């Protein structure tokens, strides 16, 4: 995004929230609340994973399976709304 002149220089010392605020206006979204957080840390996803055996081999297959079994987590729904708004829908 920097090379496309869509964002300015990013300081390595900035907070996650500062970086998130910088890149969201150009269409980069994340459900994470920190640099260390993972998608699997979303409460609904974590709860499902902790209570069920995950079939398949690898995160893409796990993600597909979880997505088919639980409602869309609110954190993901918020991202989808932001993306649709950005696309004018």
Protein backbone atom coordinates (compact mmCIF):
# COMPACT_ATOMS: atom_id res chain seq x y z
CA UNK A 1 0.00 0.00 0.00
CA UNK A 2 2.90 2.31 0.68
CA UNK A 3 4.30 1.78 -2.82
CA UNK A 4 0.89 2.65 -4.29
CA UNK A 5 0.87 5.87 -2.26
CA UNK A 6 -2.27 4.77 -0.45
CA UNK A 7 -0.68 5.04 2.98
CA UNK A 8 2.18 7.09 4.37
CA UNK A 9 5.28 5.74 6.06
CA UNK A 10 4.49 3.51 9.00
CA UNK A 11 6.61 3.86 12.12
CA UNK A 12 7.78 0.58 13.61
CA UNK A 13 6.95 1.87 17.06
CA UNK A 14 3.28 2.54 16.41
CA UNK A 15 0.56 0.75 18.31
CA UNK A 16 -1.63 -1.89 16.71
CA UNK A 17 -4.64 0.42 16.95
CA UNK A 18 -2.70 3.21 15.17
CA UNK A 19 -1.69 0.86 12.36
CA UNK A 20 -5.23 -0.52 12.08
CA UNK A 21 -6.62 3.05 11.84
CA UNK A 22 -4.06 3.87 9.15
CA UNK A 23 -4.84 0.94 6.85
CA UNK A 24 -8.62 0.56 7.24
CA UNK A 25 -9.41 3.58 5.03
CA UNK A 26 -7.59 1.85 2.14
CA UNK A 27 -9.44 -1.44 2.58
CA UNK A 28 -7.23 -3.53 4.86
CA UNK A 29 -9.29 -5.00 7.70
CA UNK A 30 -8.60 -7.35 10.60
CA UNK A 31 -10.64 -8.78 13.44
CA UNK A 32 -7.53 -8.80 15.60
CA UNK A 33 -7.16 -6.40 18.52
CA UNK A 34 -3.38 -6.76 18.87
CA UNK A 35 -0.27 -7.81 16.95
CA UNK A 36 -0.18 -11.18 18.72
CA UNK A 37 -3.85 -12.08 18.45
CA UNK A 38 -4.89 -14.72 15.93
CA UNK A 39 -8.18 -15.39 14.17
CA UNK A 40 -8.53 -18.47 16.38
CA UNK A 41 -8.65 -16.15 19.41
CA UNK A 42 -12.07 -14.78 18.42
CA UNK A 43 -14.26 -16.00 21.31
CA UNK A 44 -16.84 -17.88 19.19
CA UNK A 45 -14.12 -19.55 17.11
CA UNK A 46 -12.04 -20.45 20.18
CA UNK A 47 -15.06 -21.86 21.98
CA UNK A 48 -15.97 -24.06 19.02
CA UNK A 49 -12.41 -25.30 18.57
CA UNK A 50 -12.08 -26.05 22.28
CA UNK A 51 -15.31 -28.08 22.27
CA UNK A 52 -14.95 -30.01 18.99
CA UNK A 53 -12.45 -32.13 17.10
CA UNK A 54 -11.21 -30.38 13.99
CA UNK A 55 -11.15 -32.50 10.84
CA UNK A 56 -8.78 -31.96 7.96
CA UNK A 57 -5.19 -30.97 7.78
CA UNK A 58 -4.31 -27.32 8.13
CA UNK A 59 -5.89 -24.03 9.00
CA UNK A 60 -7.75 -23.45 5.71
CA UNK A 61 -9.69 -26.68 6.13
CA UNK A 62 -10.32 -25.95 9.81
CA UNK A 63 -11.55 -22.47 8.96
CA UNK A 64 -13.92 -23.75 6.31
CA UNK A 65 -15.29 -26.37 8.70
CA UNK A 66 -15.80 -23.85 11.52
CA UNK A 67 -17.45 -21.36 9.14
CA UNK A 68 -19.96 -24.02 8.12
CA UNK A 69 -20.75 -24.92 11.73
CA UNK A 70 -21.13 -21.63 13.61
CA UNK A 71 -22.84 -18.31 12.89
CA UNK A 72 -20.61 -15.53 11.65
CA UNK A 73 -18.78 -14.04 14.67
CA UNK A 74 -19.66 -10.40 15.33
CA UNK A 75 -16.00 -9.41 14.85
CA UNK A 76 -16.04 -10.86 11.33
CA UNK A 77 -19.46 -9.41 10.56
CA UNK A 78 -18.14 -5.93 11.42
CA UNK A 79 -15.29 -6.38 8.93
CA UNK A 80 -17.69 -7.57 6.23
CA UNK A 81 -19.87 -4.50 6.77
CA UNK A 82 -16.83 -2.22 6.46
CA UNK A 83 -15.78 -3.93 3.24
CA UNK A 84 -19.29 -3.75 1.75
CA UNK A 85 -19.55 -0.07 2.70
CA UNK A 86 -16.21 0.58 1.04
CA UNK A 87 -17.49 -1.15 -2.11
CA UNK A 88 -20.62 0.99 -2.05
CA UNK A 89 -23.09 -1.78 -1.24
